[in-house]
Amino acid sequence: MHIVLTRHGQVEGIDPPRFRGRMELDLTDVGRQQAQALGLAIARQFQADAVFTSPMKRCRDTGAAIAQACSVTQQVLPGIDDFDYGDWQWMTHADANTQYPREFALWKRSPQWMCFPGGESLQKVAWRSVEALRGLWDEHRDGTVVLVAHDSVNRVLLMHALELPLSAYWRIEQEPCCINELFVGDDGVVKVMRMNDTTHLRMK
């Protein structure tokens, strides 16, 4: 199975950064342009069989642009929903650092030990995301699927594929509408072919 793993387009709260999580956000004008460019790039490079997205609107809207460009169906995959940041949702990073200095430092230093107040731990995000991926492999092991998810989800899926510990969370970057390409063999071994490719967003 080929997996084209991408992140949704630009939204408010990426820069300057906020803990977006389960906040419903529209794509910005730039985000919509990114989604269109991403859809065209995927249509040119792959023969996608289906598009699966996080339940969040920013992912569904990005997925719609991809599905239209590839002439395939789009479905919601709940397991790749964004991090539940609980009490920190929509808080700026600066405010979180001021109000919760010890917890914020822990998140930046050792994310594998952090559980957000009223929210999730990184372990839970990893478990549900990998389970979602395993389910797709069972159903689409001979096809090519596009996953439209989030920075956090993409990071944990790539760490899992690369057999990295969750402590490596900050070593992986995921830009809006980037392309990651993975291949899952019949033996279940995952190969990472490409990561965080945004070349298509710079093409005119």
Protein backbone atom coordinates (compact mmCIF):
# COMPACT_ATOMS: atom_id res chain seq x y z
CA MET A 1 0.00 0.00 0.00
CA HIS A 2 1.18 3.45 -0.90
CA ILE A 3 0.30 6.19 1.58
CA VAL A 4 0.45 9.85 0.69
CA LEU A 5 0.43 11.56 4.08
CA THR A 6 -0.16 15.29 4.16
CA ARG A 7 -1.09 18.08 6.50
CA HIS A 8 -3.98 20.52 6.04
CA GLY A 9 -3.41 23.98 4.57
CA GLN A 10 -2.60 27.18 6.41
CA VAL A 11 -5.02 28.28 9.14
CA GLU A 12 -5.07 30.97 11.78
CA GLY A 13 -3.08 29.95 14.84
CA ILE A 14 -0.06 28.45 13.09
CA ASP A 15 1.96 31.68 13.17
CA PRO A 16 2.10 32.99 15.82
CA PRO A 17 1.49 29.53 17.27
CA ARG A 18 -1.51 28.47 19.29
CA PHE A 19 -2.60 25.06 20.57
CA ARG A 20 -5.23 24.58 17.85
CA GLY A 21 -6.25 21.00 18.54
CA ARG A 22 -10.00 20.48 18.23
CA MET A 23 -10.73 24.14 17.41
CA GLU A 24 -12.68 24.32 14.13
CA LEU A 25 -10.81 26.61 11.76
CA ASP A 26 -11.26 27.64 8.14
CA LEU A 27 -8.39 27.56 5.71
CA THR A 28 -6.97 31.00 5.06
CA ASP A 29 -6.71 32.32 1.51
CA VAL A 30 -3.14 31.00 1.47
CA GLY A 31 -4.36 27.68 2.84
CA ARG A 32 -6.90 27.28 0.05
CA GLN A 33 -4.21 28.02 -2.54
CA GLN A 34 -1.95 25.46 -0.90
CA ALA A 35 -4.73 22.85 -0.95
CA GLN A 36 -5.32 23.43 -4.67
CA ALA A 37 -1.59 23.12 -5.43
CA LEU A 38 -1.37 19.99 -3.30
CA GLY A 39 -4.32 18.39 -5.07
CA LEU A 40 -2.78 19.01 -8.49
CA ALA A 41 0.59 17.66 -7.34
CA ILE A 42 -0.91 14.47 -5.95
CA ALA A 43 -3.00 13.97 -9.10
CA ARG A 44 0.14 14.29 -11.23
CA GLN A 45 2.29 11.99 -9.12
CA PHE A 46 -0.06 9.25 -7.91
CA GLN A 47 -3.06 7.16 -8.89
CA ALA A 48 -4.95 7.69 -5.66
CA ASP A 49 -7.82 5.34 -4.85
CA ALA A 50 -9.31 7.33 -1.97
CA VAL A 51 -8.77 10.28 0.33
CA PHE A 52 -9.16 9.94 4.10
CA THR A 53 -9.21 12.99 6.36
CA SER A 54 -9.33 13.99 9.98
CA PRO A 55 -12.82 15.07 11.10
CA MET A 56 -11.60 18.67 11.44
CA LYS A 57 -12.91 21.12 8.82
CA ARG A 58 -9.44 22.29 7.81
CA CYS A 59 -8.55 18.72 6.84
CA ARG A 60 -11.88 18.02 5.15
CA ASP A 61 -11.55 21.17 3.06
CA THR A 62 -7.97 20.29 2.10
CA GLY A 63 -9.10 16.75 1.32
CA ALA A 64 -11.91 18.01 -0.87
CA ALA A 65 -9.41 19.82 -3.11
CA ILE A 66 -7.34 16.64 -3.39
CA ALA A 67 -10.35 14.40 -4.04
CA GLN A 68 -11.59 16.71 -6.77
CA ALA A 69 -8.20 16.84 -8.47
CA CYS A 70 -7.84 13.05 -8.29
CA SER A 71 -11.52 12.26 -9.08
CA VAL A 72 -11.84 9.99 -6.05
CA THR A 73 -14.03 9.80 -2.97
CA GLN A 74 -13.30 11.45 0.35
CA GLN A 75 -14.02 9.91 3.75
CA VAL A 76 -13.48 10.94 7.36
CA LEU A 77 -11.13 8.77 9.44
CA PRO A 78 -11.70 9.67 13.13
CA GLY A 79 -8.45 8.09 14.35
CA ILE A 80 -6.32 10.79 12.72
CA ASP A 81 -8.04 13.70 14.48
CA ASP A 82 -5.81 16.40 15.93
CA PHE A 83 -4.32 16.39 19.42
CA ASP A 84 -6.85 17.08 22.18
CA TYR A 85 -5.06 19.84 24.08
CA GLY A 86 -7.80 20.05 26.68
CA ASP A 87 -7.54 23.19 28.81
CA TRP A 88 -4.78 24.54 26.57
CA GLN A 89 -6.87 24.59 23.39
CA TRP A 90 -6.44 27.87 21.47
CA MET A 91 -4.01 29.16 24.08
CA THR A 92 -0.96 30.88 22.64
CA HIS A 93 2.38 29.24 23.33
CA ALA A 94 3.48 32.41 25.09
CA ASP A 95 0.47 32.31 27.43
CA ALA A 96 0.92 28.59 28.12
CA ASN A 97 4.55 29.22 29.03
CA THR A 98 3.48 32.01 31.40
CA GLN A 99 0.56 30.18 33.05
CA TYR A 100 2.03 26.66 33.08
CA PRO A 101 5.82 27.11 32.97
CA ARG A 102 6.73 23.64 34.30
CA GLU A 103 4.27 21.80 32.05
CA PHE A 104 5.23 23.88 29.00
CA ALA A 105 8.90 23.17 29.61
CA LEU A 106 8.10 19.45 29.92
CA TRP A 107 6.21 19.51 26.60
CA LYS A 108 9.17 21.11 24.87
CA ARG A 109 11.85 19.03 26.59
CA SER A 110 10.26 15.58 27.05
CA PRO A 111 6.93 15.46 25.16
CA GLN A 112 6.52 11.74 25.83
CA TRP A 113 5.87 12.54 29.51
CA MET A 114 3.27 15.23 28.90
CA CYS A 115 -0.48 14.79 29.31
CA PHE A 116 -2.42 17.97 28.64
CA PRO A 117 -4.82 18.98 31.43
CA GLY A 118 -8.25 17.76 30.34
CA GLY A 119 -6.73 16.41 27.11
CA GLU A 120 -4.55 13.68 25.69
CA SER A 121 -1.05 12.32 26.02
CA LEU A 122 1.27 11.78 23.09
CA GLN A 123 0.96 8.04 23.66
CA LYS A 124 -2.80 8.18 23.09
CA VAL A 125 -2.40 10.17 19.86
CA ALA A 126 0.16 7.64 18.65
CA TRP A 127 -2.01 4.65 19.54
CA ARG A 128 -5.17 5.86 17.81
CA SER A 129 -3.29 7.13 14.74
CA VAL A 130 -1.40 3.87 14.25
CA GLU A 131 -4.59 1.87 14.76
CA ALA A 132 -6.27 3.93 12.03
CA LEU A 133 -3.34 3.26 9.71
CA ARG A 134 -3.46 -0.46 10.48
CA GLY A 135 -7.15 -0.54 9.57
CA LEU A 136 -6.45 1.11 6.21
CA TRP A 137 -3.74 -1.42 5.46
CA ASP A 138 -6.23 -4.23 6.07
CA GLU A 139 -8.66 -2.72 3.55
CA HIS A 140 -6.41 -1.03 0.97
CA ARG A 141 -3.16 -2.97 1.01
CA ASP A 142 -2.99 -3.08 -2.81
CA GLY A 143 -3.94 0.57 -3.39
CA THR A 144 -2.83 4.16 -2.89
CA VAL A 145 -4.52 6.25 -0.23
CA VAL A 146 -4.15 9.89 0.73
CA LEU A 147 -4.32 10.83 4.41
CA VAL A 148 -4.99 14.46 5.34
CA ALA A 149 -4.12 14.93 8.99
CA HIS A 150 -2.31 17.25 11.38
CA ASP A 151 1.21 18.17 12.42
CA SER A 152 1.03 16.02 15.56
CA VAL A 153 -0.55 13.00 13.87
CA ASN A 154 1.91 13.07 10.99
CA ARG A 155 4.84 13.28 13.38
CA VAL A 156 3.79 10.21 15.38
CA LEU A 157 3.01 8.18 12.25
CA LEU A 158 6.42 9.00 10.79
CA MET A 159 8.14 8.23 14.10
CA HIS A 160 6.36 4.88 14.20
CA ALA A 161 7.39 4.10 10.63
CA LEU A 162 11.00 5.05 11.37
CA GLU A 163 10.96 3.15 14.70
CA LEU A 164 11.82 6.31 16.61
CA PRO A 165 10.78 6.88 20.24
CA LEU A 166 8.16 9.49 21.07
CA SER A 167 10.92 11.58 22.60
CA ALA A 168 11.97 12.34 18.98
CA TYR A 169 8.72 14.27 18.40
CA TRP A 170 10.43 17.64 17.87
CA ARG A 171 12.94 16.24 15.39
CA ILE A 172 10.32 15.94 12.63
CA GLU A 173 8.89 18.96 10.81
CA GLN A 174 5.56 19.04 8.99
CA GLU A 175 4.67 22.11 6.93
CA PRO A 176 1.12 22.84 5.77
CA CYS A 177 0.21 20.77 2.68
CA CYS A 178 3.53 18.93 2.64
CA ILE A 179 3.85 15.50 1.04
CA ASN A 180 5.13 12.44 2.88
CA GLU A 181 5.25 9.20 0.95
CA LEU A 182 5.20 5.81 2.69
CA PHE A 183 5.04 2.28 1.35
CA VAL A 184 3.71 -0.65 3.38
CA GLY A 185 4.79 -4.03 2.06
CA ASP A 186 2.88 -7.30 2.23
CA ASP A 187 4.92 -8.13 5.31
CA GLY A 188 3.72 -4.97 7.05
CA VAL A 189 7.13 -3.30 6.97
CA VAL A 190 6.81 0.45 6.39
CA LYS A 191 9.31 2.33 4.25
CA VAL A 192 9.45 6.13 4.30
CA MET A 193 10.14 7.31 0.74
CA ARG A 194 9.78 11.07 1.20
CA MET A 195 9.18 13.52 4.05
CA ASN A 196 7.89 17.10 4.35
CA ASP A 197 8.18 17.83 0.62
CA THR A 198 6.75 21.29 -0.20
CA THR A 199 8.27 21.69 -3.66
CA HIS A 200 4.81 21.79 -5.23
CA LEU A 201 3.91 24.87 -3.17
CA ARG A 202 6.82 26.84 -4.66
CA MET A 203 6.07 25.98 -8.27
CA LYS A 204 4.34 28.57 -10.48
